[in-house]
PDB file of N, CA and C in Angstrom:
ATOM      1  N   MET A   1      72.185 -63.962   9.676  1.00  0.00           N
ATOM      2  CA  MET A   1      71.895 -63.551   8.314  1.00  0.00           C
ATOM      3  C   MET A   1      71.596 -62.052   8.252  1.00  0.00           C
ATOM      4  N   LYS A   2      70.917 -61.548   9.282  1.00  0.00           N
ATOM      5  CA  LYS A   2      70.614 -60.115   9.338  1.00  0.00           C
ATOM      6  C   LYS A   2      71.891 -59.277   9.350  1.00  0.00           C
ATOM      7  N   LYS A   3      72.889 -59.741  10.109  1.00  0.00           N
ATOM      8  CA  LYS A   3      74.158 -59.015  10.198  1.00  0.00           C
ATOM      9  C   LYS A   3      74.838 -58.954   8.838  1.00  0.00           C
ATOM     10  N   LEU A   4      74.795 -60.064   8.115  1.00  0.00           N
ATOM     11  CA  LEU A   4      75.411 -60.124   6.801  1.00  0.00           C
ATOM     12  C   LEU A   4      74.725 -59.153   5.840  1.00  0.00           C
ATOM     13  N   ILE A   5      73.426 -59.173   5.826  1.00  0.00           N
ATOM     14  CA  ILE A   5      72.656 -58.284   4.956  1.00  0.00           C
ATOM     15  C   ILE A   5      72.924 -56.830   5.335  1.00  0.00           C
ATOM     16  N   ARG A   6      72.965 -56.546   6.633  1.00  0.00           N
ATOM     17  CA  ARG A   6      73.230 -55.189   7.100  1.00  0.00           C
ATOM     18  C   ARG A   6      74.630 -54.737   6.681  1.00  0.00           C
ATOM     19  N   SER A   7      75.606 -55.649   6.726  1.00  0.00           N
ATOM     20  CA  SER A   7      76.966 -55.270   6.345  1.00  0.00           C
ATOM     21  C   SER A   7      77.037 -54.901   4.860  1.00  0.00           C
ATOM     22  N   PHE A   8      76.280 -55.608   4.020  1.00  0.00           N
ATOM     23  CA  PHE A   8      76.222 -55.229   2.607  1.00  0.00           C
ATOM     24  C   PHE A   8      75.569 -53.854   2.451  1.00  0.00           C
ATOM     25  N   GLY A   9      74.571 -53.596   3.263  1.00  0.00           N
ATOM     26  CA  GLY A   9      73.922 -52.282   3.229  1.00  0.00           C
ATOM     27  C   GLY A   9      74.908 -51.175   3.543  1.00  0.00           C
ATOM     28  N   TYR A  10      75.757 -51.384   4.555  1.00  0.00           N
ATOM     29  CA  TYR A  10      76.774 -50.394   4.894  1.00  0.00           C
ATOM     30  C   TYR A  10      77.762 -50.211   3.746  1.00  0.00           C
ATOM     31  N   ALA A  11      78.133 -51.315   3.121  1.00  0.00           N
ATOM     32  CA  ALA A  11      79.084 -51.243   2.002  1.00  0.00           C
ATOM     33  C   ALA A  11      78.501 -50.433   0.850  1.00  0.00           C
ATOM     34  N   PHE A  12      77.250 -50.707   0.494  1.00  0.00           N
ATOM     35  CA  PHE A  12      76.619 -49.959  -0.590  1.00  0.00           C
ATOM     36  C   PHE A  12      76.415 -48.493  -0.204  1.00  0.00           C
ATOM     37  N   LYS A  13      76.192 -48.261   1.077  1.00  0.00           N
ATOM     38  CA  LYS A  13      76.071 -46.885   1.570  1.00  0.00           C
ATOM     39  C   LYS A  13      77.399 -46.149   1.370  1.00  0.00           C
ATOM     40  N   GLY A  14      78.509 -46.836   1.590  1.00  0.00           N
ATOM     41  CA  GLY A  14      79.827 -46.240   1.381  1.00  0.00           C
ATOM     42  C   GLY A  14      80.079 -45.916  -0.080  1.00  0.00           C
ATOM     43  N   VAL A  15      79.701 -46.820  -0.974  1.00  0.00           N
ATOM     44  CA  VAL A  15      79.862 -46.564  -2.406  1.00  0.00           C
ATOM     45  C   VAL A  15      78.971 -45.394  -2.823  1.00  0.00           C
ATOM     46  N   ALA A  16      77.754 -45.363  -2.317  1.00  0.00           N
ATOM     47  CA  ALA A  16      76.833 -44.264  -2.636  1.00  0.00           C
ATOM     48  C   ALA A  16      77.390 -42.936  -2.128  1.00  0.00           C
ATOM     49  N   TYR A  17      77.992 -42.952  -0.948  1.00  0.00           N
ATOM     50  CA  TYR A  17      78.600 -41.738  -0.399  1.00  0.00           C
ATOM     51  C   TYR A  17      79.727 -41.248  -1.312  1.00  0.00           C
ATOM     52  N   ALA A  18      80.572 -42.169  -1.755  1.00  0.00           N
ATOM     53  CA  ALA A  18      81.667 -41.795  -2.660  1.00  0.00           C
ATOM     54  C   ALA A  18      81.116 -41.197  -3.948  1.00  0.00           C
ATOM     55  N   ALA A  19      80.073 -41.822  -4.495  1.00  0.00           N
ATOM     56  CA  ALA A  19      79.477 -41.329  -5.742  1.00  0.00           C
ATOM     57  C   ALA A  19      78.829 -39.958  -5.540  1.00  0.00           C
ATOM     58  N   ALA A  20      78.238 -39.743  -4.390  1.00  0.00           N
ATOM     59  CA  ALA A  20      77.533 -38.481  -4.133  1.00  0.00           C
ATOM     60  C   ALA A  20      78.474 -37.329  -3.806  1.00  0.00           C
ATOM     61  N   THR A  21      79.629 -37.625  -3.232  1.00  0.00           N
ATOM     62  CA  THR A  21      80.473 -36.544  -2.715  1.00  0.00           C
ATOM     63  C   THR A  21      81.799 -36.359  -3.450  1.00  0.00           C
ATOM     64  N   GLN A  22      82.200 -37.328  -4.257  1.00  0.00           N
ATOM     65  CA  GLN A  22      83.524 -37.270  -4.871  1.00  0.00           C
ATOM     66  C   GLN A  22      83.425 -37.144  -6.388  1.00  0.00           C
ATOM     67  N   LEU A  23      83.794 -35.978  -6.896  1.00  0.00           N
ATOM     68  CA  LEU A  23      83.735 -35.725  -8.331  1.00  0.00           C
ATOM     69  C   LEU A  23      84.575 -36.741  -9.108  1.00  0.00           C
ATOM     70  N   ASN A  24      85.783 -37.006  -8.635  1.00  0.00           N
ATOM     71  CA  ASN A  24      86.649 -37.945  -9.355  1.00  0.00           C
ATOM     72  C   ASN A  24      86.041 -39.339  -9.424  1.00  0.00           C
ATOM     73  N   PHE A  25      85.352 -39.762  -8.373  1.00  0.00           N
ATOM     74  CA  PHE A  25      84.698 -41.068  -8.389  1.00  0.00           C
ATOM     75  C   PHE A  25      83.619 -41.085  -9.475  1.00  0.00           C
ATOM     76  N   ARG A  26      82.872 -39.996  -9.589  1.00  0.00           N
ATOM     77  CA  ARG A  26      81.836 -39.917 -10.635  1.00  0.00           C
ATOM     78  C   ARG A  26      82.465 -39.912 -12.029  1.00  0.00           C
ATOM     79  N   ILE A  27      83.593 -39.245 -12.172  1.00  0.00           N
ATOM     80  CA  ILE A  27      84.302 -39.263 -13.457  1.00  0.00           C
ATOM     81  C   ILE A  27      84.732 -40.682 -13.800  1.00  0.00           C
ATOM     82  N   HIS A  28      85.254 -41.397 -12.816  1.00  0.00           N
ATOM     83  CA  HIS A  28      85.671 -42.784 -13.052  1.00  0.00           C
ATOM     84  C   HIS A  28      84.469 -43.674 -13.361  1.00  0.00           C
ATOM     85  N   LEU A  29      83.337 -43.414 -12.717  1.00  0.00           N
ATOM     86  CA  LEU A  29      82.121 -44.173 -13.046  1.00  0.00           C
ATOM     87  C   LEU A  29      81.684 -43.920 -14.482  1.00  0.00           C
ATOM     88  N   ALA A  30      81.781 -42.666 -14.925  1.00  0.00           N
ATOM     89  CA  ALA A  30      81.424 -42.344 -16.310  1.00  0.00           C
ATOM     90  C   ALA A  30      82.385 -43.026 -17.283  1.00  0.00           C
ATOM     91  N   ALA A  31      83.671 -43.026 -16.954  1.00  0.00           N
ATOM     92  CA  ALA A  31      84.657 -43.701 -17.803  1.00  0.00           C
ATOM     93  C   ALA A  31      84.385 -45.207 -17.844  1.00  0.00           C
ATOM     94  N   ALA A  32      83.977 -45.769 -16.718  1.00  0.00           N
ATOM     95  CA  ALA A  32      83.644 -47.196 -16.670  1.00  0.00           C
ATOM     96  C   ALA A  32      82.440 -47.495 -17.556  1.00  0.00           C
ATOM     97  N   ALA A  33      81.427 -46.631 -17.486  1.00  0.00           N
ATOM     98  CA  ALA A  33      80.241 -46.820 -18.326  1.00  0.00           C
ATOM     99  C   ALA A  33      80.613 -46.722 -19.806  1.00  0.00           C
ATOM    100  N   LEU A  34      81.481 -45.781 -20.150  1.00  0.00           N
ATOM    101  CA  LEU A  34      81.934 -45.642 -21.535  1.00  0.00           C
ATOM    102  C   LEU A  34      82.703 -46.884 -21.987  1.00  0.00           C
ATOM    103  N   ALA A  35      83.572 -47.387 -21.124  1.00  0.00           N
ATOM    104  CA  ALA A  35      84.337 -48.595 -21.456  1.00  0.00           C
ATOM    105  C   ALA A  35      83.408 -49.788 -21.670  1.00  0.00           C
ATOM    106  N   MET A  36      82.389 -49.915 -20.826  1.00  0.00           N
ATOM    107  CA  MET A  36      81.444 -51.028 -20.982  1.00  0.00           C
ATOM    108  C   MET A  36      80.629 -50.883 -22.264  1.00  0.00           C
ATOM    109  N   LEU A  37      80.231 -49.666 -22.574  1.00  0.00           N
ATOM    110  CA  LEU A  37      79.493 -49.427 -23.817  1.00  0.00           C
ATOM    111  C   LEU A  37      80.364 -49.752 -25.031  1.00  0.00           C
ATOM    112  N   MET A  38      81.602 -49.297 -25.002  1.00  0.00           N
ATOM    113  CA  MET A  38      82.512 -49.594 -26.111  1.00  0.00           C
ATOM    114  C   MET A  38      82.759 -51.093 -26.234  1.00  0.00           C
ATOM    115  N   GLY A  39      82.916 -51.753 -25.099  1.00  0.00           N
ATOM    116  CA  GLY A  39      83.110 -53.200 -25.124  1.00  0.00           C
ATOM    117  C   GLY A  39      81.933 -53.913 -25.752  1.00  0.00           C
ATOM    118  N   TYR A  40      80.746 -53.466 -25.421  1.00  0.00           N
ATOM    119  CA  TYR A  40      79.529 -54.062 -25.987  1.00  0.00           C
ATOM    120  C   TYR A  40      79.447 -53.783 -27.484  1.00  0.00           C
ATOM    121  N   LEU A  41      79.658 -52.533 -27.863  1.00  0.00           N
ATOM    122  CA  LEU A  41      79.525 -52.158 -29.273  1.00  0.00           C
ATOM    123  C   LEU A  41      80.614 -52.767 -30.153  1.00  0.00           C
ATOM    124  N   LEU A  42      81.807 -52.948 -29.591  1.00  0.00           N
ATOM    125  CA  LEU A  42      82.925 -53.491 -30.365  1.00  0.00           C
ATOM    126  C   LEU A  42      83.061 -55.010 -30.230  1.00  0.00           C
ATOM    127  N   HIS A  43      82.155 -55.623 -29.487  1.00  0.00           N
ATOM    128  CA  HIS A  43      82.126 -57.088 -29.326  1.00  0.00           C
ATOM    129  C   HIS A  43      83.479 -57.645 -28.871  1.00  0.00           C
ATOM    130  N   ILE A  44      83.982 -57.110 -27.777  1.00  0.00           N
ATOM    131  CA  ILE A  44      85.272 -57.589 -27.287  1.00  0.00           C
ATOM    132  C   ILE A  44      85.123 -59.006 -26.741  1.00  0.00           C
ATOM    133  N   SER A  45      86.226 -59.722 -26.701  1.00  0.00           N
ATOM    134  CA  SER A  45      86.230 -61.124 -26.267  1.00  0.00           C
ATOM    135  C   SER A  45      86.068 -61.225 -24.751  1.00  0.00           C
ATOM    136  N   VAL A  46      85.853 -62.435 -24.290  1.00  0.00           N
ATOM    137  CA  VAL A  46      85.709 -62.678 -22.848  1.00  0.00           C
ATOM    138  C   VAL A  46      86.977 -62.276 -22.105  1.00  0.00           C
ATOM    139  N   SER A  47      88.125 -62.634 -22.648  1.00  0.00           N
ATOM    140  CA  SER A  47      89.375 -62.273 -21.961  1.00  0.00           C
ATOM    141  C   SER A  47      89.574 -60.757 -21.954  1.00  0.00           C
ATOM    142  N   GLU A  48      89.162 -60.079 -23.017  1.00  0.00           N
ATOM    143  CA  GLU A  48      89.246 -58.620 -23.025  1.00  0.00           C
ATOM    144  C   GLU A  48      88.285 -58.015 -22.002  1.00  0.00           C
ATOM    145  N   TRP A  49      87.099 -58.603 -21.868  1.00  0.00           N
ATOM    146  CA  TRP A  49      86.156 -58.150 -20.827  1.00  0.00           C
ATOM    147  C   TRP A  49      86.778 -58.299 -19.440  1.00  0.00           C
ATOM    148  N   GLN A  50      87.516 -59.385 -19.245  1.00  0.00           N
ATOM    149  CA  GLN A  50      88.148 -59.575 -17.939  1.00  0.00           C
ATOM    150  C   GLN A  50      89.144 -58.454 -17.644  1.00  0.00           C
ATOM    151  N   TRP A  51      89.915 -58.047 -18.643  1.00  0.00           N
ATOM    152  CA  TRP A  51      90.871 -56.950 -18.457  1.00  0.00           C
ATOM    153  C   TRP A  51      90.140 -55.637 -18.185  1.00  0.00           C
ATOM    154  N   VAL A  52      89.074 -55.395 -18.940  1.00  0.00           N
ATOM    155  CA  VAL A  52      88.298 -54.169 -18.741  1.00  0.00           C
ATOM    156  C   VAL A  52      87.691 -54.157 -17.337  1.00  0.00           C
ATOM    157  N   ALA A  53      87.117 -55.281 -16.926  1.00  0.00           N
ATOM    158  CA  ALA A  53      86.519 -55.368 -15.586  1.00  0.00           C
ATOM    159  C   ALA A  53      87.573 -55.173 -14.498  1.00  0.00           C
ATOM    160  N   LEU A  54      88.755 -55.755 -14.694  1.00  0.00           N
ATOM    161  CA  LEU A  54      89.841 -55.578 -13.729  1.00  0.00           C
ATOM    162  C   LEU A  54      90.223 -54.105 -13.614  1.00  0.00           C
ATOM    163  N   CYS A  55      90.343 -53.441 -14.748  1.00  0.00           N
ATOM    164  CA  CYS A  55      90.712 -52.017 -14.737  1.00  0.00           C
ATOM    165  C   CYS A  55      89.655 -51.170 -14.051  1.00  0.00           C
ATOM    166  N   ILE A  56      88.393 -51.413 -14.373  1.00  0.00           N
ATOM    167  CA  ILE A  56      87.307 -50.654 -13.748  1.00  0.00           C
ATOM    168  C   ILE A  56      87.345 -50.844 -12.233  1.00  0.00           C
ATOM    169  N   THR A  57      87.457 -52.082 -11.819  1.00  0.00           N
ATOM    170  CA  THR A  57      87.483 -52.389 -10.387  1.00  0.00           C
ATOM    171  C   THR A  57      88.683 -51.748  -9.708  1.00  0.00           C
ATOM    172  N   LEU A  58      89.847 -51.886 -10.322  1.00  0.00           N
ATOM    173  CA  LEU A  58      91.071 -51.350  -9.734  1.00  0.00           C
ATOM    174  C   LEU A  58      90.982 -49.832  -9.552  1.00  0.00           C
ATOM    175  N   VAL A  59      90.510 -49.133 -10.561  1.00  0.00           N
ATOM    176  CA  VAL A  59      90.430 -47.672 -10.478  1.00  0.00           C
ATOM    177  C   VAL A  59      89.400 -47.233  -9.435  1.00  0.00           C
ATOM    178  N   LEU A  60      88.224 -47.872  -9.425  1.00  0.00           N
ATOM    179  CA  LEU A  60      87.195 -47.485  -8.448  1.00  0.00           C
ATOM    180  C   LEU A  60      87.638 -47.773  -7.017  1.00  0.00           C
ATOM    181  N   VAL A  61      88.269 -48.912  -6.803  1.00  0.00           N
ATOM    182  CA  VAL A  61      88.765 -49.243  -5.456  1.00  0.00           C
ATOM    183  C   VAL A  61      89.866 -48.268  -5.050  1.00  0.00           C
ATOM    184  N   ALA A  62      90.765 -47.961  -5.978  1.00  0.00           N
ATOM    185  CA  ALA A  62      91.836 -47.007  -5.663  1.00  0.00           C
ATOM    186  C   ALA A  62      91.254 -45.645  -5.307  1.00  0.00           C
ATOM    187  N   GLU A  63      90.236 -45.223  -6.026  1.00  0.00           N
ATOM    188  CA  GLU A  63      89.619 -43.919  -5.743  1.00  0.00           C
ATOM    189  C   GLU A  63      88.941 -43.911  -4.374  1.00  0.00           C
ATOM    190  N   ILE A  64      88.281 -45.000  -4.024  1.00  0.00           N
ATOM    191  CA  ILE A  64      87.656 -45.072  -2.695  1.00  0.00           C
ATOM    192  C   ILE A  64      88.726 -45.073  -1.604  1.00  0.00           C
ATOM    193  N   PHE A  65      89.808 -45.836  -1.803  1.00  0.00           N
ATOM    194  CA  PHE A  65      90.885 -45.822  -0.817  1.00  0.00           C
ATOM    195  C   PHE A  65      91.514 -44.432  -0.711  1.00  0.00           C
ATOM    196  N   ASN A  66      91.659 -43.747  -1.829  1.00  0.00           N
ATOM    197  CA  ASN A  66      92.192 -42.389  -1.804  1.00  0.00           C
ATOM    198  C   ASN A  66      91.298 -41.484  -0.963  1.00  0.00           C
ATOM    199  N   THR A  67      90.006 -41.580  -1.166  1.00  0.00           N
ATOM    200  CA  THR A  67      89.066 -40.771  -0.384  1.00  0.00           C
ATOM    201  C   THR A  67      89.160 -41.114   1.102  1.00  0.00           C
ATOM    202  N   MET A  68      89.247 -42.403   1.397  1.00  0.00           N
ATOM    203  CA  MET A  68      89.366 -42.824   2.799  1.00  0.00           C
ATOM    204  C   MET A  68      90.632 -42.253   3.434  1.00  0.00           C
ATOM    205  N   ILE A  69      91.744 -42.381   2.736  1.00  0.00           N
ATOM    206  CA  ILE A  69      93.023 -41.919   3.285  1.00  0.00           C
ATOM    207  C   ILE A  69      93.016 -40.407   3.461  1.00  0.00           C
ATOM    208  N   GLU A  70      92.483 -39.683   2.484  1.00  0.00           N
ATOM    209  CA  GLU A  70      92.426 -38.223   2.613  1.00  0.00           C
ATOM    210  C   GLU A  70      91.532 -37.804   3.779  1.00  0.00           C
ATOM    211  N   THR A  71      90.393 -38.468   3.939  1.00  0.00           N
ATOM    212  CA  THR A  71      89.482 -38.144   5.038  1.00  0.00           C
ATOM    213  C   THR A  71      90.124 -38.435   6.385  1.00  0.00           C
ATOM    214  N   LEU A  72      90.751 -39.592   6.516  1.00  0.00           N
ATOM    215  CA  LEU A  72      91.425 -39.934   7.772  1.00  0.00           C
ATOM    216  C   LEU A  72      92.594 -38.997   8.061  1.00  0.00           C
ATOM    217  N   THR A  73      93.316 -38.620   7.022  1.00  0.00           N
ATOM    218  CA  THR A  73      94.438 -37.696   7.207  1.00  0.00           C
ATOM    219  C   THR A  73      93.936 -36.340   7.690  1.00  0.00           C
ATOM    220  N   ASP A  74      92.838 -35.875   7.101  1.00  0.00           N
ATOM    221  CA  ASP A  74      92.259 -34.602   7.546  1.00  0.00           C
ATOM    222  C   ASP A  74      91.769 -34.678   8.981  1.00  0.00           C
ATOM    223  N   LEU A  75      91.241 -35.831   9.380  1.00  0.00           N
ATOM    224  CA  LEU A  75      90.797 -36.011  10.769  1.00  0.00           C
ATOM    225  C   LEU A  75      91.982 -36.009  11.729  1.00  0.00           C
ATOM    226  N   ALA A  76      93.035 -36.727  11.346  1.00  0.00           N
ATOM    227  CA  ALA A  76      94.187 -36.864  12.242  1.00  0.00           C
ATOM    228  C   ALA A  76      95.043 -35.611  12.270  1.00  0.00           C
ATOM    229  N   SER A  77      95.042 -34.861  11.163  1.00  0.00           N
ATOM    230  CA  SER A  77      95.900 -33.687  11.066  1.00  0.00           C
ATOM    231  C   SER A  77      95.151 -32.549  10.380  1.00  0.00           C
ATOM    232  N   PRO A  78      94.221 -31.904  11.119  1.00  0.00           N
ATOM    233  CA  PRO A  78      93.415 -30.844  10.503  1.00  0.00           C
ATOM    234  C   PRO A  78      94.241 -29.626  10.079  1.00  0.00           C
ATOM    235  N   ASP A  79      95.332 -29.362  10.767  1.00  0.00           N
ATOM    236  CA  ASP A  79      96.223 -28.264  10.381  1.00  0.00           C
ATOM    237  C   ASP A  79      97.240 -28.783   9.372  1.00  0.00           C
ATOM    238  N   TYR A  80      97.875 -27.861   8.663  1.00  0.00           N
ATOM    239  CA  TYR A  80      98.860 -28.270   7.669  1.00  0.00           C
ATOM    240  C   TYR A  80      99.981 -29.058   8.330  1.00  0.00           C
ATOM    241  N   ASN A  81     100.325 -30.160   7.691  1.00  0.00           N
ATOM    242  CA  ASN A  81     101.432 -30.989   8.147  1.00  0.00           C
ATOM    243  C   ASN A  81     102.091 -31.553   6.896  1.00  0.00           C
ATOM    244  N   GLU A  82     103.371 -31.361   6.769  1.00  0.00           N
ATOM    245  CA  GLU A  82     104.077 -31.797   5.556  1.00  0.00           C
ATOM    246  C   GLU A  82     103.933 -33.302   5.317  1.00  0.00           C
ATOM    247  N   LYS A  83     104.064 -34.083   6.383  1.00  0.00           N
ATOM    248  CA  LYS A  83     103.933 -35.542   6.229  1.00  0.00           C
ATOM    249  C   LYS A  83     102.512 -35.930   5.825  1.00  0.00           C
ATOM    250  N   ALA A  84     101.517 -35.249   6.368  1.00  0.00           N
ATOM    251  CA  ALA A  84     100.134 -35.517   5.982  1.00  0.00           C
ATOM    252  C   ALA A  84      99.937 -35.207   4.502  1.00  0.00           C
ATOM    253  N   GLY A  85     100.568 -34.135   4.037  1.00  0.00           N
ATOM    254  CA  GLY A  85     100.503 -33.792   2.623  1.00  0.00           C
ATOM    255  C   GLY A  85     101.120 -34.868   1.751  1.00  0.00           C
ATOM    256  N   HIS A  86     102.251 -35.418   2.193  1.00  0.00           N
ATOM    257  CA  HIS A  86     102.885 -36.503   1.439  1.00  0.00           C
ATOM    258  C   HIS A  86     101.974 -37.732   1.364  1.00  0.00           C
ATOM    259  N   ILE A  87     101.324 -38.034   2.468  1.00  0.00           N
ATOM    260  CA  ILE A  87     100.406 -39.178   2.499  1.00  0.00           C
ATOM    261  C   ILE A  87      99.283 -38.978   1.487  1.00  0.00           C
ATOM    262  N   LYS A  88      98.701 -37.802   1.479  1.00  0.00           N
ATOM    263  CA  LYS A  88      97.607 -37.516   0.543  1.00  0.00           C
ATOM    264  C   LYS A  88      98.099 -37.536  -0.907  1.00  0.00           C
ATOM    265  N   ASP A  89      99.301 -37.023  -1.145  1.00  0.00           N
ATOM    266  CA  ASP A  89      99.860 -37.035  -2.494  1.00  0.00           C
ATOM    267  C   ASP A  89     100.106 -38.467  -2.978  1.00  0.00           C
ATOM    268  N   MET A  90     100.645 -39.305  -2.095  1.00  0.00           N
ATOM    269  CA  MET A  90     100.898 -40.698  -2.480  1.00  0.00           C
ATOM    270  C   MET A  90      99.599 -41.450  -2.737  1.00  0.00           C
ATOM    271  N   SER A  91      98.592 -41.152  -1.945  1.00  0.00           N
ATOM    272  CA  SER A  91      97.286 -41.775  -2.134  1.00  0.00           C
ATOM    273  C   SER A  91      96.707 -41.398  -3.493  1.00  0.00           C
ATOM    274  N   ALA A  92      96.805 -40.130  -3.844  1.00  0.00           N
ATOM    275  CA  ALA A  92      96.344 -39.682  -5.161  1.00  0.00           C
ATOM    276  C   ALA A  92      97.206 -40.305  -6.258  1.00  0.00           C
ATOM    277  N   GLY A  93      98.483 -40.450  -5.994  1.00  0.00           N
ATOM    278  CA  GLY A  93      99.382 -41.076  -6.961  1.00  0.00           C
ATOM    279  C   GLY A  93      98.997 -42.514  -7.268  1.00  0.00           C
ATOM    280  N   ALA A  94      98.518 -43.221  -6.268  1.00  0.00           N
ATOM    281  CA  ALA A  94      98.070 -44.601  -6.482  1.00  0.00           C
ATOM    282  C   ALA A  94      96.898 -44.631  -7.465  1.00  0.00           C
ATOM    283  N   VAL A  95      96.010 -43.660  -7.363  1.00  0.00           N
ATOM    284  CA  VAL A  95      94.878 -43.587  -8.295  1.00  0.00           C
ATOM    285  C   VAL A  95      95.383 -43.301  -9.702  1.00  0.00           C
ATOM    286  N   VAL A  96      96.344 -42.408  -9.823  1.00  0.00           N
ATOM    287  CA  VAL A  96      96.899 -42.083 -11.132  1.00  0.00           C
ATOM    288  C   VAL A  96      97.534 -43.327 -11.764  1.00  0.00           C
ATOM    289  N   ILE A  97      98.260 -44.095 -10.990  1.00  0.00           N
ATOM    290  CA  ILE A  97      98.879 -45.320 -11.505  1.00  0.00           C
ATOM    291  C   ILE A  97      97.803 -46.293 -11.992  1.00  0.00           C
ATOM    292  N   ALA A  98      96.753 -46.473 -11.201  1.00  0.00           N
ATOM    293  CA  ALA A  98      95.658 -47.373 -11.605  1.00  0.00           C
ATOM    294  C   ALA A  98      94.969 -46.865 -12.861  1.00  0.00           C
ATOM    295  N   ALA A  99      94.732 -45.556 -12.926  1.00  0.00           N
ATOM    296  CA  ALA A  99      94.066 -44.974 -14.094  1.00  0.00           C
ATOM    297  C   ALA A  99      94.952 -45.079 -15.333  1.00  0.00           C
ATOM    298  N   LEU A 100      96.244 -44.918 -15.180  1.00  0.00           N
ATOM    299  CA  LEU A 100      97.167 -45.059 -16.309  1.00  0.00           C
ATOM    300  C   LEU A 100      97.165 -46.501 -16.824  1.00  0.00           C
ATOM    301  N   PHE A 101      97.166 -47.457 -15.907  1.00  0.00           N
ATOM    302  CA  PHE A 101      97.070 -48.868 -16.286  1.00  0.00           C
ATOM    303  C   PHE A 101      95.778 -49.114 -17.059  1.00  0.00           C
ATOM    304  N   ALA A 102      94.676 -48.541 -16.589  1.00  0.00           N
ATOM    305  CA  ALA A 102      93.387 -48.701 -17.262  1.00  0.00           C
ATOM    306  C   ALA A 102      93.419 -48.069 -18.648  1.00  0.00           C
ATOM    307  N   PHE A 103      94.032 -46.898 -18.769  1.00  0.00           N
ATOM    308  CA  PHE A 103      94.118 -46.213 -20.066  1.00  0.00           C
ATOM    309  C   PHE A 103      94.938 -47.038 -21.065  1.00  0.00           C
ATOM    310  N   ILE A 104      96.076 -47.543 -20.626  1.00  0.00           N
ATOM    311  CA  ILE A 104      96.922 -48.361 -21.504  1.00  0.00           C
ATOM    312  C   ILE A 104      96.184 -49.632 -21.914  1.00  0.00           C
ATOM    313  N   THR A 105      95.490 -50.238 -20.968  1.00  0.00           N
ATOM    314  CA  THR A 105      94.704 -51.438 -21.278  1.00  0.00           C
ATOM    315  C   THR A 105      93.612 -51.109 -22.284  1.00  0.00           C
ATOM    316  N   ALA A 106      92.955 -49.962 -22.114  1.00  0.00           N
ATOM    317  CA  ALA A 106      91.916 -49.544 -23.063  1.00  0.00           C
ATOM    318  C   ALA A 106      92.503 -49.372 -24.460  1.00  0.00           C
ATOM    319  N   LEU A 107      93.682 -48.789 -24.550  1.00  0.00           N
ATOM    320  CA  LEU A 107      94.325 -48.644 -25.858  1.00  0.00           C
ATOM    321  C   LEU A 107      94.577 -50.012 -26.493  1.00  0.00           C
ATOM    322  N   ILE A 108      95.073 -50.942 -25.698  1.00  0.00           N
ATOM    323  CA  ILE A 108      95.379 -52.285 -26.214  1.00  0.00           C
ATOM    324  C   ILE A 108      94.116 -53.003 -26.668  1.00  0.00           C
ATOM    325  N   VAL A 109      93.044 -52.870 -25.901  1.00  0.00           N
ATOM    326  CA  VAL A 109      91.800 -53.587 -26.203  1.00  0.00           C
ATOM    327  C   VAL A 109      91.005 -52.905 -27.315  1.00  0.00           C
ATOM    328  N   PHE A 110      90.833 -51.598 -27.220  1.00  0.00           N
ATOM    329  CA  PHE A 110      89.894 -50.902 -28.099  1.00  0.00           C
ATOM    330  C   PHE A 110      90.507 -50.327 -29.373  1.00  0.00           C
ATOM    331  N   LEU A 111      91.750 -49.883 -29.304  1.00  0.00           N
ATOM    332  CA  LEU A 111      92.333 -49.198 -30.463  1.00  0.00           C
ATOM    333  C   LEU A 111      92.365 -50.062 -31.720  1.00  0.00           C
ATOM    334  N   PRO A 112      92.796 -51.321 -31.655  1.00  0.00           N
ATOM    335  CA  PRO A 112      92.786 -52.123 -32.881  1.00  0.00           C
ATOM    336  C   PRO A 112      91.386 -52.257 -33.493  1.00  0.00           C
ATOM    337  N   LYS A 113      90.385 -52.408 -32.650  1.00  0.00           N
ATOM    338  CA  LYS A 113      89.021 -52.549 -33.135  1.00  0.00           C
ATOM    339  C   LYS A 113      88.498 -51.246 -33.730  1.00  0.00           C
ATOM    340  N   LEU A 114      88.865 -50.124 -33.118  1.00  0.00           N
ATOM    341  CA  LEU A 114      88.451 -48.827 -33.653  1.00  0.00           C
ATOM    342  C   LEU A 114      89.151 -48.526 -34.990  1.00  0.00           C
ATOM    343  N   LEU A 115      90.418 -48.909 -35.089  1.00  0.00           N
ATOM    344  CA  LEU A 115      91.144 -48.685 -36.340  1.00  0.00           C
ATOM    345  C   LEU A 115      90.550 -49.496 -37.494  1.00  0.00           C
ATOM    346  N   LEU A 116      90.029 -50.661 -37.194  1.00  0.00           N
ATOM    347  CA  LEU A 116      89.391 -51.471 -38.243  1.00  0.00           C
ATOM    348  C   LEU A 116      88.127 -50.810 -38.780  1.00  0.00           C
ATOM    349  N   LEU A 117      87.497 -49.986 -37.953  1.00  0.00           N
ATOM    350  CA  LEU A 117      86.280 -49.302 -38.380  1.00  0.00           C
ATOM    351  C   LEU A 117      86.569 -48.112 -39.293  1.00  0.00           C
ATOM    352  N   ILE A 118      87.804 -47.639 -39.254  1.00  0.00           N
ATOM    353  CA  ILE A 118      88.161 -46.448 -40.048  1.00  0.00           C
ATOM    354  C   ILE A 118      88.521 -46.811 -41.475  1.00  0.00           C
TER     355      ILE A 118
END
């Protein structure tokens, strides 16, 4: 049981590290907080909450994986390497794809409700 608890501690330490050192991760956390606030204020349905939660999770996980890949790439190839650059670019691209999916989902979920308020 101690090992299990310790492993969760390491996991939370990793998330805290990402939040403390990665500006983009903090931006995504702020966007997640805004999405949750909007969901609460606009009384979105359970199924809409599921989509919002999926988007938040997907973007945060993608950002952490991007940070991991960039850090490992820098360790493995501290000098400039074209292939290492491609790896880092693709990793960042994965985050952009996840964030675009989240943005489109936000438009689908929130825009109709916001338009009703106008």
